[in-house]
């Protein structure tokens, strides 16, 4: 029986040119390394579970924005806009219990 790896950040590339719903309105970047969180977490002792705490799961605990250049239709014309979209890049993963990071 193989053991699941511990919770960690893994590479996950998003290619906007391959996604049909984004390929015609996102100008830059063409894609980006988003990362994702995968793996197992040591579970809490049964005493904590008796007090209503759930299982620990691997999740994002820190993220950063992604600057993007994209097209926006405004009436009869289209404009180019630049903005930072929050929480697009996973920076750090950790084990969380009920959406609270547990060290």
C-alpha atoms as a PDB file:
ATOM      1  CA  UNK A   1       0.000   0.000   0.000  1.00  0.00           C
ATOM      2  CA  UNK A   2       1.539   3.316  -1.066  1.00  0.00           C
ATOM      3  CA  UNK A   3       1.332   6.264   1.274  1.00  0.00           C
ATOM      4  CA  UNK A   4      -0.108   9.527  -0.049  1.00  0.00           C
ATOM      5  CA  UNK A   5       2.460  12.356  -0.152  1.00  0.00           C
ATOM      6  CA  UNK A   6       2.205  15.020   2.538  1.00  0.00           C
ATOM      7  CA  UNK A   7       0.350  18.260   1.712  1.00  0.00           C
ATOM      8  CA  UNK A   8       2.444  20.369  -0.665  1.00  0.00           C
ATOM      9  CA  UNK A   9       2.340  22.777  -3.603  1.00  0.00           C
ATOM     10  CA  UNK A  10       2.541  21.136  -7.023  1.00  0.00           C
ATOM     11  CA  UNK A  11       2.959  22.641 -10.473  1.00  0.00           C
ATOM     12  CA  UNK A  12      -0.218  23.202 -12.467  1.00  0.00           C
ATOM     13  CA  UNK A  13       0.007  25.264 -15.668  1.00  0.00           C
ATOM     14  CA  UNK A  14      -3.062  27.081 -16.979  1.00  0.00           C
ATOM     15  CA  UNK A  15      -2.915  27.730 -20.734  1.00  0.00           C
ATOM     16  CA  UNK A  16      -5.434  30.429 -21.655  1.00  0.00           C
ATOM     17  CA  UNK A  17      -4.987  29.700 -25.379  1.00  0.00           C
ATOM     18  CA  UNK A  18      -6.320  26.171 -24.893  1.00  0.00           C
ATOM     19  CA  UNK A  19      -9.404  27.257 -22.935  1.00  0.00           C
ATOM     20  CA  UNK A  20     -12.121  28.183 -25.422  1.00  0.00           C
ATOM     21  CA  UNK A  21     -13.838  30.632 -23.059  1.00  0.00           C
ATOM     22  CA  UNK A  22     -10.638  32.687 -22.527  1.00  0.00           C
ATOM     23  CA  UNK A  23      -8.698  32.473 -25.782  1.00  0.00           C
ATOM     24  CA  UNK A  24     -10.320  35.522 -27.423  1.00  0.00           C
ATOM     25  CA  UNK A  25     -10.430  37.994 -24.545  1.00  0.00           C
ATOM     26  CA  UNK A  26      -7.255  37.421 -22.498  1.00  0.00           C
ATOM     27  CA  UNK A  27      -4.328  39.074 -24.291  1.00  0.00           C
ATOM     28  CA  UNK A  28      -1.571  38.489 -21.738  1.00  0.00           C
ATOM     29  CA  UNK A  29      -0.397  36.255 -20.244  1.00  0.00           C
ATOM     30  CA  UNK A  30      -0.935  33.370 -22.669  1.00  0.00           C
ATOM     31  CA  UNK A  31      -0.784  31.127 -19.620  1.00  0.00           C
ATOM     32  CA  UNK A  32       0.741  30.927 -16.157  1.00  0.00           C
ATOM     33  CA  UNK A  33       1.958  28.576 -13.429  1.00  0.00           C
ATOM     34  CA  UNK A  34      -0.994  28.533 -11.024  1.00  0.00           C
ATOM     35  CA  UNK A  35       0.144  25.638  -8.807  1.00  0.00           C
ATOM     36  CA  UNK A  36      -2.279  23.603  -6.693  1.00  0.00           C
ATOM     37  CA  UNK A  37      -2.311  21.953  -3.279  1.00  0.00           C
ATOM     38  CA  UNK A  38      -2.310  18.174  -3.043  1.00  0.00           C
ATOM     39  CA  UNK A  39      -1.473  15.570  -0.468  1.00  0.00           C
ATOM     40  CA  UNK A  40      -2.499  14.200   2.866  1.00  0.00           C
ATOM     41  CA  UNK A  41      -2.669  15.733   6.321  1.00  0.00           C
ATOM     42  CA  UNK A  42      -2.182  14.154   9.732  1.00  0.00           C
ATOM     43  CA  UNK A  43      -5.624  13.950  11.286  1.00  0.00           C
ATOM     44  CA  UNK A  44      -6.572  15.481  14.626  1.00  0.00           C
ATOM     45  CA  UNK A  45      -6.893  13.340  17.724  1.00  0.00           C
ATOM     46  CA  UNK A  46     -10.336  11.990  18.493  1.00  0.00           C
ATOM     47  CA  UNK A  47     -10.721  14.488  21.377  1.00  0.00           C
ATOM     48  CA  UNK A  48     -10.818  17.397  18.896  1.00  0.00           C
ATOM     49  CA  UNK A  49     -13.356  15.550  16.775  1.00  0.00           C
ATOM     50  CA  UNK A  50     -15.649  15.176  19.787  1.00  0.00           C
ATOM     51  CA  UNK A  51     -15.744  18.975  20.024  1.00  0.00           C
ATOM     52  CA  UNK A  52     -16.999  19.249  16.445  1.00  0.00           C
ATOM     53  CA  UNK A  53     -13.785  19.757  14.487  1.00  0.00           C
ATOM     54  CA  UNK A  54     -13.691  18.085  11.080  1.00  0.00           C
ATOM     55  CA  UNK A  55     -10.905  16.393   9.177  1.00  0.00           C
ATOM     56  CA  UNK A  56      -7.808  18.306   8.185  1.00  0.00           C
ATOM     57  CA  UNK A  57      -7.497  18.832   4.433  1.00  0.00           C
ATOM     58  CA  UNK A  58      -4.731  20.145   2.178  1.00  0.00           C
ATOM     59  CA  UNK A  59      -5.622  23.651   0.973  1.00  0.00           C
ATOM     60  CA  UNK A  60      -4.238  27.013  -0.124  1.00  0.00           C
ATOM     61  CA  UNK A  61      -3.113  29.138   2.837  1.00  0.00           C
ATOM     62  CA  UNK A  62      -1.360  31.895   0.866  1.00  0.00           C
ATOM     63  CA  UNK A  63      -1.893  33.151  -2.681  1.00  0.00           C
ATOM     64  CA  UNK A  64      -0.889  36.061  -4.887  1.00  0.00           C
ATOM     65  CA  UNK A  65      -2.516  38.049  -7.696  1.00  0.00           C
ATOM     66  CA  UNK A  66      -1.949  37.655 -11.430  1.00  0.00           C
ATOM     67  CA  UNK A  67      -1.666  40.784 -13.600  1.00  0.00           C
ATOM     68  CA  UNK A  68      -3.650  40.367 -16.806  1.00  0.00           C
ATOM     69  CA  UNK A  69      -4.313  42.329 -19.987  1.00  0.00           C
ATOM     70  CA  UNK A  70      -7.727  41.625 -21.477  1.00  0.00           C
ATOM     71  CA  UNK A  71     -10.422  42.932 -23.823  1.00  0.00           C
ATOM     72  CA  UNK A  72     -13.662  44.494 -22.566  1.00  0.00           C
ATOM     73  CA  UNK A  73     -16.605  45.258 -24.845  1.00  0.00           C
ATOM     74  CA  UNK A  74     -18.164  48.651 -24.081  1.00  0.00           C
ATOM     75  CA  UNK A  75     -21.124  49.435 -26.286  1.00  0.00           C
ATOM     76  CA  UNK A  76     -19.980  49.519 -29.916  1.00  0.00           C
ATOM     77  CA  UNK A  77     -16.249  49.316 -29.197  1.00  0.00           C
ATOM     78  CA  UNK A  78     -13.727  47.164 -27.365  1.00  0.00           C
ATOM     79  CA  UNK A  79     -11.112  48.442 -24.902  1.00  0.00           C
ATOM     80  CA  UNK A  80      -7.943  46.910 -23.536  1.00  0.00           C
ATOM     81  CA  UNK A  81      -7.767  46.866 -19.741  1.00  0.00           C
ATOM     82  CA  UNK A  82      -5.060  45.788 -17.315  1.00  0.00           C
ATOM     83  CA  UNK A  83      -5.819  44.573 -13.810  1.00  0.00           C
ATOM     84  CA  UNK A  84      -4.538  42.275 -11.096  1.00  0.00           C
ATOM     85  CA  UNK A  85      -6.807  39.332 -10.333  1.00  0.00           C
ATOM     86  CA  UNK A  86      -6.476  38.230  -6.688  1.00  0.00           C
ATOM     87  CA  UNK A  87      -5.792  34.690  -5.466  1.00  0.00           C
ATOM     88  CA  UNK A  88      -4.693  33.341  -8.849  1.00  0.00           C
ATOM     89  CA  UNK A  89      -1.295  31.880  -7.874  1.00  0.00           C
ATOM     90  CA  UNK A  90      -0.880  29.410  -5.018  1.00  0.00           C
ATOM     91  CA  UNK A  91       2.116  30.474  -2.934  1.00  0.00           C
ATOM     92  CA  UNK A  92       1.753  28.189   0.087  1.00  0.00           C
ATOM     93  CA  UNK A  93      -0.234  25.101   1.026  1.00  0.00           C
ATOM     94  CA  UNK A  94      -1.079  23.761   4.441  1.00  0.00           C
ATOM     95  CA  UNK A  95      -3.386  21.515   6.390  1.00  0.00           C
ATOM     96  CA  UNK A  96      -6.598  23.252   7.402  1.00  0.00           C
ATOM     97  CA  UNK A  97      -9.429  22.249   9.699  1.00  0.00           C
ATOM     98  CA  UNK A  98     -12.764  23.977   9.202  1.00  0.00           C
ATOM     99  CA  UNK A  99     -11.014  26.594   6.978  1.00  0.00           C
ATOM    100  CA  UNK A 100      -8.474  27.480   9.694  1.00  0.00           C
ATOM    101  CA  UNK A 101      -4.791  26.752   9.034  1.00  0.00           C
ATOM    102  CA  UNK A 102      -3.321  24.311  11.533  1.00  0.00           C
ATOM    103  CA  UNK A 103       0.449  24.279  11.964  1.00  0.00           C
END
